[in-house]
Amino acid sequence: MKAVPFSFRLDVPDFIPSAYDNHITRTLTAMKGQFLDQAAYDHMLAQVDSILYEVYEIRRPENSGEVLHGISIVHPGKIGDEYAMTKGHFHSVLETAEVYHCIKGHGYMVMESPNGDWAVEELRPGIILYVLPCWAHRSVNVSPDEDLITFFAFPGHAGHDYGTIEQRGFRKLVVERDGKPAIIDNPRWVQAETS
């Protein structure tokens, strides 16, 4: 089959692509061990295995000349005082970057490198964020009642490494403090580094 240029629309208000190849849903079950407050996680899961976020992928061949892209939608909510978030990942090919364009909502991108550098950048409509090669990244929705919607694009051969993050999470967490988002140290990292 011959490859040809293509386009798609993002229709308001939901911004779901008019054409996509894969729709991924991540529920509470898929995020086991990622939230700090395990009791709050267990309590919420006992009520309903709700969808925390969705990804609409426009697939391309997984080689370095292609650009995989799509839409990520993180729904609002909290587990304990920690805001709803994506699982987060490194790329399997560590030396690959990713670009995000925030379309709707309010959130943060939590990022870190294998050598301990970290950054947290705010996401609001119109902001374009460049995630450096070798940096893990996770989207966090801090809005109480609105989806965080971003467009993403990365090299076709990059792949995803979720396992590294699943072990201890990110070094930094985004939690609610006095009604506002706050960046705190992840106690699982602090305990591991001091033992």
N, C-alpha and C. Protein backbone atom coordinates (compact mmCIF):
# COMPACT_ATOMS: atom_id res chain seq x y z
N MET A 1 0.84 -1.18 0.00
CA MET A 1 0.00 0.00 0.00
C MET A 1 0.88 1.25 0.00
N LYS A 2 0.60 2.16 -0.87
CA LYS A 2 1.38 3.37 -1.00
C LYS A 2 1.00 4.36 0.11
N ALA A 3 2.03 4.94 0.75
CA ALA A 3 1.78 5.95 1.78
C ALA A 3 1.46 7.28 1.11
N VAL A 4 0.48 7.97 1.69
CA VAL A 4 0.10 9.29 1.18
C VAL A 4 -0.06 10.24 2.37
N PRO A 5 0.15 11.53 2.17
CA PRO A 5 -0.10 12.49 3.24
C PRO A 5 -1.56 12.39 3.70
N PHE A 6 -1.80 12.76 4.94
CA PHE A 6 -3.16 12.68 5.47
C PHE A 6 -3.38 13.78 6.50
N SER A 7 -4.63 13.99 6.86
CA SER A 7 -4.98 14.99 7.87
C SER A 7 -6.13 14.46 8.71
N PHE A 8 -6.38 15.13 9.84
CA PHE A 8 -7.55 14.82 10.67
C PHE A 8 -7.96 16.10 11.38
N ARG A 9 -9.18 16.11 11.90
CA ARG A 9 -9.70 17.26 12.64
C ARG A 9 -9.77 16.95 14.12
N LEU A 10 -9.70 17.99 14.93
CA LEU A 10 -9.99 17.89 16.36
C LEU A 10 -11.25 18.71 16.61
N ASP A 11 -12.35 18.03 16.77
CA ASP A 11 -13.63 18.72 16.90
C ASP A 11 -13.89 19.15 18.34
N VAL A 12 -14.31 20.39 18.51
CA VAL A 12 -14.69 20.92 19.81
C VAL A 12 -16.05 20.32 20.16
N PRO A 13 -16.36 20.01 21.43
CA PRO A 13 -15.57 20.32 22.63
C PRO A 13 -14.67 19.19 23.12
N ASP A 14 -14.81 17.98 22.56
CA ASP A 14 -14.08 16.85 23.15
C ASP A 14 -12.68 16.65 22.58
N PHE A 15 -12.39 17.22 21.41
CA PHE A 15 -11.07 17.16 20.78
C PHE A 15 -10.61 15.74 20.46
N ILE A 16 -11.55 14.83 20.28
CA ILE A 16 -11.21 13.48 19.82
C ILE A 16 -10.92 13.56 18.32
N PRO A 17 -9.83 12.97 17.86
CA PRO A 17 -9.50 13.05 16.42
C PRO A 17 -10.61 12.46 15.56
N SER A 18 -10.81 13.06 14.40
CA SER A 18 -11.83 12.57 13.47
C SER A 18 -11.46 11.19 12.92
N ALA A 19 -10.18 10.85 12.94
CA ALA A 19 -9.72 9.52 12.53
C ALA A 19 -8.55 9.14 13.43
N TYR A 20 -8.56 7.91 13.90
CA TYR A 20 -7.46 7.42 14.73
C TYR A 20 -7.39 5.91 14.57
N ASP A 21 -6.24 5.33 14.95
CA ASP A 21 -6.00 3.90 14.77
C ASP A 21 -6.14 3.08 16.04
N ASN A 22 -5.95 3.71 17.17
CA ASN A 22 -5.94 2.97 18.44
C ASN A 22 -6.47 3.87 19.55
N HIS A 23 -7.38 3.35 20.36
CA HIS A 23 -7.92 4.07 21.51
C HIS A 23 -7.54 3.29 22.76
N ILE A 24 -6.67 3.87 23.58
CA ILE A 24 -6.19 3.23 24.81
C ILE A 24 -6.92 3.87 25.98
N THR A 25 -7.41 3.05 26.90
CA THR A 25 -7.98 3.58 28.15
C THR A 25 -7.18 3.00 29.31
N ARG A 26 -6.82 3.88 30.24
CA ARG A 26 -6.11 3.44 31.44
C ARG A 26 -7.03 3.67 32.64
N THR A 27 -7.32 2.59 33.33
CA THR A 27 -8.19 2.65 34.50
C THR A 27 -7.35 2.66 35.78
N LEU A 28 -8.03 2.76 36.90
CA LEU A 28 -7.35 2.67 38.20
C LEU A 28 -6.52 1.39 38.29
N THR A 29 -7.08 0.28 37.84
CA THR A 29 -6.36 -0.99 37.90
C THR A 29 -5.00 -0.91 37.23
N ALA A 30 -4.93 -0.23 36.09
CA ALA A 30 -3.67 -0.11 35.34
C ALA A 30 -2.65 0.77 36.07
N MET A 31 -3.10 1.52 37.06
CA MET A 31 -2.20 2.44 37.78
C MET A 31 -1.85 1.93 39.17
N LYS A 32 -2.02 0.64 39.40
CA LYS A 32 -1.71 0.06 40.71
C LYS A 32 -0.27 0.38 41.11
N GLY A 33 -0.10 0.85 42.32
CA GLY A 33 1.22 1.15 42.85
C GLY A 33 1.78 2.51 42.45
N GLN A 34 1.05 3.27 41.65
CA GLN A 34 1.57 4.56 41.19
C GLN A 34 1.17 5.73 42.09
N PHE A 35 0.09 5.58 42.85
CA PHE A 35 -0.34 6.65 43.74
C PHE A 35 0.22 6.43 45.14
N LEU A 36 0.59 7.51 45.78
CA LEU A 36 1.23 7.44 47.09
C LEU A 36 0.29 6.89 48.16
N ASP A 37 -0.97 7.35 48.17
CA ASP A 37 -1.93 6.95 49.20
C ASP A 37 -2.62 5.65 48.77
N GLN A 38 -2.03 4.52 49.18
CA GLN A 38 -2.55 3.22 48.76
C GLN A 38 -3.95 2.96 49.33
N ALA A 39 -4.22 3.43 50.55
CA ALA A 39 -5.54 3.23 51.15
C ALA A 39 -6.62 3.97 50.35
N ALA A 40 -6.31 5.20 49.91
CA ALA A 40 -7.27 5.96 49.10
C ALA A 40 -7.46 5.28 47.75
N TYR A 41 -6.39 4.76 47.19
CA TYR A 41 -6.48 4.04 45.92
C TYR A 41 -7.38 2.80 46.07
N ASP A 42 -7.14 2.01 47.11
CA ASP A 42 -7.94 0.80 47.34
C ASP A 42 -9.41 1.14 47.55
N HIS A 43 -9.68 2.20 48.31
CA HIS A 43 -11.06 2.63 48.58
C HIS A 43 -11.76 3.02 47.28
N MET A 44 -11.09 3.80 46.45
CA MET A 44 -11.69 4.23 45.19
C MET A 44 -11.90 3.05 44.26
N LEU A 45 -10.93 2.15 44.18
CA LEU A 45 -11.03 1.00 43.30
C LEU A 45 -12.18 0.08 43.73
N ALA A 46 -12.44 -0.02 45.03
CA ALA A 46 -13.54 -0.84 45.53
C ALA A 46 -14.90 -0.30 45.07
N GLN A 47 -14.95 1.01 44.79
CA GLN A 47 -16.21 1.62 44.33
C GLN A 47 -16.39 1.44 42.83
N VAL A 48 -15.37 1.77 42.06
CA VAL A 48 -15.45 1.66 40.60
C VAL A 48 -14.04 1.74 40.01
N ASP A 49 -13.81 0.95 38.97
CA ASP A 49 -12.51 0.97 38.28
C ASP A 49 -12.59 2.04 37.18
N SER A 50 -12.57 3.29 37.61
CA SER A 50 -12.83 4.40 36.68
C SER A 50 -11.67 4.62 35.71
N ILE A 51 -12.00 5.22 34.56
CA ILE A 51 -10.99 5.57 33.56
C ILE A 51 -10.30 6.85 33.99
N LEU A 52 -8.97 6.79 34.15
CA LEU A 52 -8.20 7.97 34.54
C LEU A 52 -7.76 8.78 33.33
N TYR A 53 -7.37 8.06 32.26
CA TYR A 53 -6.98 8.80 31.05
C TYR A 53 -7.15 7.93 29.82
N GLU A 54 -7.16 8.61 28.66
CA GLU A 54 -7.34 7.96 27.38
C GLU A 54 -6.32 8.51 26.39
N VAL A 55 -5.95 7.67 25.45
CA VAL A 55 -5.02 8.07 24.40
C VAL A 55 -5.62 7.65 23.06
N TYR A 56 -5.63 8.58 22.12
CA TYR A 56 -6.05 8.31 20.74
C TYR A 56 -4.81 8.40 19.87
N GLU A 57 -4.37 7.25 19.35
CA GLU A 57 -3.14 7.20 18.57
C GLU A 57 -3.42 7.20 17.08
N ILE A 58 -2.62 7.96 16.36
CA ILE A 58 -2.57 7.88 14.90
C ILE A 58 -1.28 7.11 14.62
N ARG A 59 -1.41 5.85 14.27
CA ARG A 59 -0.26 4.97 14.13
C ARG A 59 0.50 5.23 12.83
N ARG A 60 1.77 5.05 12.88
CA ARG A 60 2.65 5.10 11.73
C ARG A 60 3.64 3.95 11.85
N PRO A 61 4.34 3.60 10.80
CA PRO A 61 5.37 2.56 10.93
C PRO A 61 6.38 2.96 12.01
N GLU A 62 6.80 1.99 12.81
CA GLU A 62 7.68 2.28 13.94
C GLU A 62 9.13 2.31 13.50
N ASN A 63 9.47 3.33 12.71
CA ASN A 63 10.86 3.53 12.31
C ASN A 63 11.23 5.00 12.50
N SER A 64 12.53 5.28 12.44
CA SER A 64 13.02 6.61 12.81
C SER A 64 12.58 7.73 11.86
N GLY A 65 12.14 7.37 10.67
CA GLY A 65 11.70 8.41 9.73
C GLY A 65 10.27 8.84 9.90
N GLU A 66 9.53 8.17 10.75
CA GLU A 66 8.11 8.47 10.97
C GLU A 66 7.91 9.23 12.28
N VAL A 67 6.74 9.84 12.43
CA VAL A 67 6.37 10.54 13.66
C VAL A 67 5.04 9.97 14.14
N LEU A 68 5.07 9.28 15.29
CA LEU A 68 3.84 8.81 15.91
C LEU A 68 3.22 9.98 16.65
N HIS A 69 1.90 10.08 16.65
CA HIS A 69 1.25 11.22 17.28
C HIS A 69 -0.18 10.89 17.65
N GLY A 70 -0.78 11.78 18.43
CA GLY A 70 -2.15 11.55 18.85
C GLY A 70 -2.58 12.53 19.92
N ILE A 71 -3.65 12.17 20.61
CA ILE A 71 -4.25 13.01 21.64
C ILE A 71 -4.29 12.24 22.95
N SER A 72 -3.91 12.90 24.03
CA SER A 72 -3.99 12.35 25.38
C SER A 72 -5.02 13.16 26.16
N ILE A 73 -5.92 12.45 26.86
CA ILE A 73 -6.96 13.11 27.66
C ILE A 73 -6.88 12.56 29.08
N VAL A 74 -6.44 13.40 30.03
CA VAL A 74 -6.40 13.02 31.44
C VAL A 74 -7.63 13.62 32.11
N HIS A 75 -8.46 12.75 32.66
CA HIS A 75 -9.70 13.21 33.29
C HIS A 75 -9.40 13.80 34.67
N PRO A 76 -10.25 14.70 35.16
CA PRO A 76 -10.01 15.31 36.47
C PRO A 76 -10.27 14.32 37.60
N GLY A 77 -9.64 14.57 38.73
CA GLY A 77 -9.86 13.75 39.90
C GLY A 77 -8.62 13.68 40.75
N LYS A 78 -8.78 13.08 41.93
CA LYS A 78 -7.64 12.89 42.84
C LYS A 78 -7.76 11.52 43.50
N ILE A 79 -6.62 10.96 43.84
CA ILE A 79 -6.53 9.77 44.67
C ILE A 79 -5.85 10.24 45.94
N GLY A 80 -6.60 10.33 47.02
CA GLY A 80 -6.08 11.00 48.21
C GLY A 80 -5.90 12.46 47.85
N ASP A 81 -4.72 13.01 48.07
CA ASP A 81 -4.47 14.41 47.68
C ASP A 81 -3.62 14.52 46.42
N GLU A 82 -3.41 13.38 45.73
CA GLU A 82 -2.61 13.36 44.51
C GLU A 82 -3.52 13.44 43.29
N TYR A 83 -3.18 14.33 42.38
CA TYR A 83 -4.01 14.56 41.20
C TYR A 83 -3.94 13.40 40.21
N ALA A 84 -5.00 13.27 39.40
CA ALA A 84 -5.04 12.27 38.33
C ALA A 84 -3.87 12.49 37.38
N MET A 85 -3.33 11.38 36.86
CA MET A 85 -2.12 11.47 36.05
C MET A 85 -2.04 10.29 35.10
N THR A 86 -1.11 10.40 34.16
CA THR A 86 -0.80 9.27 33.29
C THR A 86 0.23 8.38 33.98
N LYS A 87 0.40 7.20 33.44
CA LYS A 87 1.36 6.26 33.99
C LYS A 87 2.77 6.83 33.91
N GLY A 88 3.07 7.49 32.83
CA GLY A 88 4.40 8.06 32.64
C GLY A 88 5.36 7.02 32.11
N HIS A 89 6.36 7.47 31.35
CA HIS A 89 7.28 6.54 30.72
C HIS A 89 8.57 7.22 30.30
N PHE A 90 9.60 6.40 30.18
CA PHE A 90 10.76 6.71 29.38
C PHE A 90 10.45 6.18 27.98
N HIS A 91 11.23 6.55 26.99
CA HIS A 91 11.14 5.89 25.70
C HIS A 91 12.10 4.70 25.71
N SER A 92 11.71 3.63 25.03
CA SER A 92 12.57 2.44 24.94
C SER A 92 13.91 2.81 24.30
N VAL A 93 13.86 3.63 23.25
CA VAL A 93 15.07 4.22 22.69
C VAL A 93 15.27 5.52 23.46
N LEU A 94 16.09 5.45 24.48
CA LEU A 94 16.20 6.53 25.47
C LEU A 94 16.51 7.89 24.85
N GLU A 95 17.28 7.92 23.79
CA GLU A 95 17.74 9.17 23.19
C GLU A 95 16.71 9.77 22.23
N THR A 96 15.42 9.63 22.52
CA THR A 96 14.37 10.21 21.69
C THR A 96 13.56 11.19 22.51
N ALA A 97 13.14 12.28 21.87
CA ALA A 97 12.40 13.36 22.53
C ALA A 97 10.91 13.22 22.22
N GLU A 98 10.11 14.11 22.81
CA GLU A 98 8.67 14.15 22.53
C GLU A 98 8.20 15.59 22.66
N VAL A 99 7.21 15.95 21.86
CA VAL A 99 6.62 17.29 21.90
C VAL A 99 5.16 17.18 22.30
N TYR A 100 4.74 18.07 23.20
CA TYR A 100 3.34 18.14 23.63
C TYR A 100 2.80 19.55 23.37
N HIS A 101 1.57 19.62 22.93
CA HIS A 101 0.87 20.90 22.77
C HIS A 101 -0.41 20.81 23.59
N CYS A 102 -0.52 21.66 24.61
CA CYS A 102 -1.71 21.65 25.46
C CYS A 102 -2.86 22.35 24.72
N ILE A 103 -3.96 21.64 24.60
CA ILE A 103 -5.13 22.15 23.88
C ILE A 103 -6.21 22.65 24.85
N LYS A 104 -6.35 21.96 25.97
CA LYS A 104 -7.42 22.29 26.91
C LYS A 104 -7.02 21.87 28.31
N GLY A 105 -7.49 22.61 29.32
CA GLY A 105 -7.30 22.22 30.70
C GLY A 105 -6.10 22.88 31.36
N HIS A 106 -5.81 22.39 32.55
CA HIS A 106 -4.69 22.91 33.35
C HIS A 106 -4.00 21.72 34.00
N GLY A 107 -2.70 21.65 33.81
CA GLY A 107 -1.96 20.56 34.40
C GLY A 107 -0.48 20.83 34.45
N TYR A 108 0.26 19.77 34.67
CA TYR A 108 1.72 19.84 34.75
C TYR A 108 2.30 18.62 34.04
N MET A 109 3.50 18.79 33.53
CA MET A 109 4.28 17.67 33.02
C MET A 109 5.42 17.46 34.01
N VAL A 110 5.46 16.29 34.62
CA VAL A 110 6.52 15.92 35.55
C VAL A 110 7.55 15.14 34.74
N MET A 111 8.82 15.53 34.85
CA MET A 111 9.87 14.93 34.04
C MET A 111 11.10 14.65 34.90
N GLU A 112 11.86 13.63 34.49
CA GLU A 112 13.12 13.35 35.17
C GLU A 112 14.04 12.56 34.26
N SER A 113 15.33 12.68 34.53
CA SER A 113 16.34 11.95 33.76
C SER A 113 16.87 10.80 34.61
N PRO A 114 17.50 9.82 33.99
CA PRO A 114 18.05 8.70 34.77
C PRO A 114 19.10 9.12 35.80
N ASN A 115 19.78 10.25 35.56
CA ASN A 115 20.82 10.67 36.50
C ASN A 115 20.32 11.57 37.62
N GLY A 116 18.98 11.75 37.73
CA GLY A 116 18.43 12.47 38.88
C GLY A 116 17.98 13.89 38.63
N ASP A 117 18.22 14.43 37.43
CA ASP A 117 17.68 15.75 37.12
C ASP A 117 16.17 15.65 37.00
N TRP A 118 15.47 16.72 37.37
CA TRP A 118 14.01 16.70 37.25
C TRP A 118 13.50 18.10 36.91
N ALA A 119 12.30 18.15 36.38
CA ALA A 119 11.64 19.41 36.04
C ALA A 119 10.14 19.17 36.06
N VAL A 120 9.40 20.23 36.39
CA VAL A 120 7.94 20.20 36.32
C VAL A 120 7.52 21.47 35.60
N GLU A 121 6.82 21.30 34.48
CA GLU A 121 6.38 22.43 33.66
C GLU A 121 4.86 22.49 33.63
N GLU A 122 4.34 23.71 33.73
CA GLU A 122 2.90 23.92 33.70
C GLU A 122 2.35 23.74 32.29
N LEU A 123 1.17 23.16 32.20
CA LEU A 123 0.46 23.00 30.93
C LEU A 123 -0.85 23.78 30.99
N ARG A 124 -1.01 24.69 30.03
CA ARG A 124 -2.25 25.44 29.82
C ARG A 124 -2.46 25.55 28.32
N PRO A 125 -3.69 25.81 27.87
CA PRO A 125 -3.93 25.90 26.43
C PRO A 125 -2.95 26.83 25.73
N GLY A 126 -2.38 26.34 24.63
CA GLY A 126 -1.43 27.12 23.86
C GLY A 126 0.02 26.84 24.18
N ILE A 127 0.29 26.21 25.33
CA ILE A 127 1.68 25.91 25.69
C ILE A 127 2.17 24.69 24.91
N ILE A 128 3.37 24.82 24.34
CA ILE A 128 4.02 23.72 23.65
C ILE A 128 5.24 23.34 24.48
N LEU A 129 5.34 22.07 24.82
CA LEU A 129 6.40 21.59 25.71
C LEU A 129 7.28 20.59 24.97
N TYR A 130 8.57 20.80 25.08
CA TYR A 130 9.55 19.87 24.48
C TYR A 130 10.15 19.04 25.60
N VAL A 131 9.94 17.73 25.55
CA VAL A 131 10.55 16.81 26.52
C VAL A 131 11.86 16.32 25.93
N LEU A 132 12.93 16.57 26.63
CA LEU A 132 14.28 16.22 26.15
C LEU A 132 14.46 14.72 25.96
N PRO A 133 15.37 14.33 25.07
CA PRO A 133 15.75 12.92 24.99
C PRO A 133 16.23 12.44 26.37
N CYS A 134 15.98 11.18 26.68
CA CYS A 134 16.41 10.54 27.92
C CYS A 134 15.57 10.92 29.14
N TRP A 135 14.53 11.72 28.98
CA TRP A 135 13.73 12.14 30.13
C TRP A 135 12.38 11.42 30.15
N ALA A 136 12.07 10.82 31.29
CA ALA A 136 10.73 10.26 31.52
C ALA A 136 9.76 11.41 31.69
N HIS A 137 8.48 11.16 31.41
CA HIS A 137 7.49 12.23 31.51
C HIS A 137 6.12 11.67 31.83
N ARG A 138 5.36 12.47 32.58
CA ARG A 138 4.03 12.11 33.05
C ARG A 138 3.16 13.37 33.06
N SER A 139 1.95 13.27 32.50
CA SER A 139 0.99 14.39 32.53
C SER A 139 0.12 14.28 33.78
N VAL A 140 -0.13 15.43 34.42
CA VAL A 140 -0.94 15.48 35.63
C VAL A 140 -2.02 16.54 35.43
N ASN A 141 -3.27 16.18 35.69
CA ASN A 141 -4.39 17.12 35.55
C ASN A 141 -4.73 17.72 36.91
N VAL A 142 -4.56 19.03 37.07
CA VAL A 142 -4.85 19.68 38.35
C VAL A 142 -6.17 20.45 38.34
N SER A 143 -6.92 20.37 37.24
CA SER A 143 -8.22 21.02 37.18
C SER A 143 -9.24 20.19 37.96
N PRO A 144 -10.12 20.84 38.73
CA PRO A 144 -11.12 20.08 39.48
C PRO A 144 -12.25 19.51 38.61
N ASP A 145 -12.45 20.07 37.43
CA ASP A 145 -13.64 19.66 36.67
C ASP A 145 -13.46 19.67 35.16
N GLU A 146 -12.22 19.71 34.67
CA GLU A 146 -12.00 19.80 33.23
C GLU A 146 -10.90 18.83 32.81
N ASP A 147 -11.09 18.19 31.65
CA ASP A 147 -10.06 17.31 31.11
C ASP A 147 -8.80 18.10 30.76
N LEU A 148 -7.63 17.46 30.92
CA LEU A 148 -6.37 17.98 30.41
C LEU A 148 -6.14 17.28 29.07
N ILE A 149 -6.14 18.05 27.98
CA ILE A 149 -6.02 17.47 26.65
C ILE A 149 -4.76 18.00 25.97
N THR A 150 -3.91 17.07 25.53
CA THR A 150 -2.67 17.44 24.84
C THR A 150 -2.54 16.66 23.55
N PHE A 151 -1.91 17.30 22.57
CA PHE A 151 -1.46 16.64 21.35
C PHE A 151 -0.01 16.26 21.58
N PHE A 152 0.39 15.06 21.19
CA PHE A 152 1.77 14.62 21.37
C PHE A 152 2.33 14.09 20.05
N ALA A 153 3.66 14.14 19.92
CA ALA A 153 4.34 13.60 18.74
C ALA A 153 5.75 13.17 19.14
N PHE A 154 6.16 12.00 18.64
CA PHE A 154 7.49 11.49 18.96
C PHE A 154 7.98 10.60 17.83
N PRO A 155 9.30 10.33 17.74
CA PRO A 155 9.83 9.53 16.65
C PRO A 155 9.22 8.13 16.63
N GLY A 156 8.99 7.63 15.42
CA GLY A 156 8.31 6.36 15.25
C GLY A 156 8.97 5.16 15.91
N HIS A 157 10.28 5.21 16.09
CA HIS A 157 10.99 4.06 16.65
C HIS A 157 11.22 4.17 18.15
N ALA A 158 10.69 5.21 18.81
CA ALA A 158 11.01 5.51 20.21
C ALA A 158 10.54 4.43 21.19
N GLY A 159 9.34 3.92 21.01
CA GLY A 159 8.81 2.92 21.93
C GLY A 159 8.52 3.50 23.30
N HIS A 160 8.02 2.65 24.20
CA HIS A 160 7.66 3.08 25.56
C HIS A 160 8.24 2.10 26.58
N ASP A 161 8.83 2.65 27.63
CA ASP A 161 9.31 1.88 28.77
C ASP A 161 8.52 2.34 29.99
N TYR A 162 7.48 1.59 30.36
CA TYR A 162 6.67 1.91 31.54
C TYR A 162 7.24 1.25 32.80
N GLY A 163 7.96 0.14 32.62
CA GLY A 163 8.42 -0.65 33.76
C GLY A 163 9.33 0.09 34.71
N THR A 164 10.22 0.92 34.18
CA THR A 164 11.15 1.65 35.05
C THR A 164 10.39 2.55 36.02
N ILE A 165 9.38 3.25 35.53
CA ILE A 165 8.59 4.15 36.38
C ILE A 165 7.73 3.36 37.36
N GLU A 166 7.22 2.21 36.95
CA GLU A 166 6.36 1.42 37.83
C GLU A 166 7.06 1.00 39.11
N GLN A 167 8.39 0.92 39.09
CA GLN A 167 9.14 0.45 40.27
C GLN A 167 9.01 1.40 41.46
N ARG A 168 9.22 2.71 41.24
CA ARG A 168 9.16 3.67 42.36
C ARG A 168 8.40 4.93 42.02
N GLY A 169 7.90 5.04 40.81
CA GLY A 169 7.24 6.28 40.42
C GLY A 169 8.26 7.34 40.06
N PHE A 170 7.81 8.57 39.97
CA PHE A 170 8.68 9.71 39.69
C PHE A 170 9.25 10.28 40.99
N ARG A 171 10.34 11.00 40.88
CA ARG A 171 10.95 11.61 42.06
C ARG A 171 10.07 12.70 42.67
N LYS A 172 9.24 13.31 41.86
CA LYS A 172 8.37 14.39 42.33
C LYS A 172 6.91 14.02 42.09
N LEU A 173 6.05 14.46 43.00
CA LEU A 173 4.61 14.24 42.91
C LEU A 173 3.90 15.58 42.89
N VAL A 174 2.73 15.62 42.25
CA VAL A 174 1.89 16.83 42.26
C VAL A 174 0.67 16.51 43.12
N VAL A 175 0.56 17.24 44.24
CA VAL A 175 -0.51 17.01 45.20
C VAL A 175 -1.22 18.33 45.51
N GLU A 176 -2.40 18.21 46.11
CA GLU A 176 -3.13 19.41 46.53
C GLU A 176 -2.71 19.79 47.93
N ARG A 177 -2.36 21.06 48.12
CA ARG A 177 -2.02 21.62 49.42
C ARG A 177 -2.74 22.96 49.53
N ASP A 178 -3.61 23.11 50.53
CA ASP A 178 -4.36 24.35 50.74
C ASP A 178 -5.11 24.76 49.47
N GLY A 179 -5.69 23.78 48.78
CA GLY A 179 -6.51 24.05 47.61
C GLY A 179 -5.74 24.36 46.34
N LYS A 180 -4.41 24.21 46.38
CA LYS A 180 -3.59 24.51 45.20
C LYS A 180 -2.63 23.36 44.92
N PRO A 181 -2.18 23.23 43.65
CA PRO A 181 -1.18 22.22 43.33
C PRO A 181 0.17 22.55 43.99
N ALA A 182 0.82 21.51 44.48
CA ALA A 182 2.15 21.66 45.08
C ALA A 182 3.02 20.50 44.59
N ILE A 183 4.31 20.79 44.40
CA ILE A 183 5.28 19.77 43.99
C ILE A 183 6.00 19.30 45.25
N ILE A 184 5.96 17.98 45.50
CA ILE A 184 6.64 17.44 46.69
C ILE A 184 7.56 16.30 46.28
N ASP A 185 8.50 15.98 47.17
CA ASP A 185 9.36 14.82 46.97
C ASP A 185 8.52 13.56 47.13
N ASN A 186 8.80 12.56 46.32
CA ASN A 186 8.14 11.27 46.44
C ASN A 186 8.82 10.50 47.57
N PRO A 187 8.10 10.21 48.66
CA PRO A 187 8.74 9.52 49.79
C PRO A 187 9.37 8.18 49.43
N ARG A 188 8.87 7.50 48.41
CA ARG A 188 9.48 6.23 48.00
C ARG A 188 10.90 6.43 47.49
N TRP A 189 11.14 7.57 46.81
CA TRP A 189 12.49 7.88 46.35
C TRP A 189 13.36 8.30 47.52
N VAL A 190 12.82 9.13 48.41
CA VAL A 190 13.59 9.62 49.55
C VAL A 190 14.04 8.46 50.42
N GLN A 191 13.13 7.50 50.69
CA GLN A 191 13.48 6.34 51.53
C GLN A 191 14.56 5.50 50.86
N ALA A 192 14.43 5.29 49.57
CA ALA A 192 15.41 4.47 48.85
C ALA A 192 16.79 5.13 48.84
N GLU A 193 16.82 6.46 48.70
CA GLU A 193 18.10 7.17 48.62
C GLU A 193 18.79 7.28 49.97
N THR A 194 18.03 7.22 51.08
CA THR A 194 18.64 7.33 52.40
C THR A 194 18.95 5.97 53.02
N SER A 195 18.45 4.86 52.40
CA SER A 195 18.75 3.54 52.97
C SER A 195 20.02 2.95 52.43
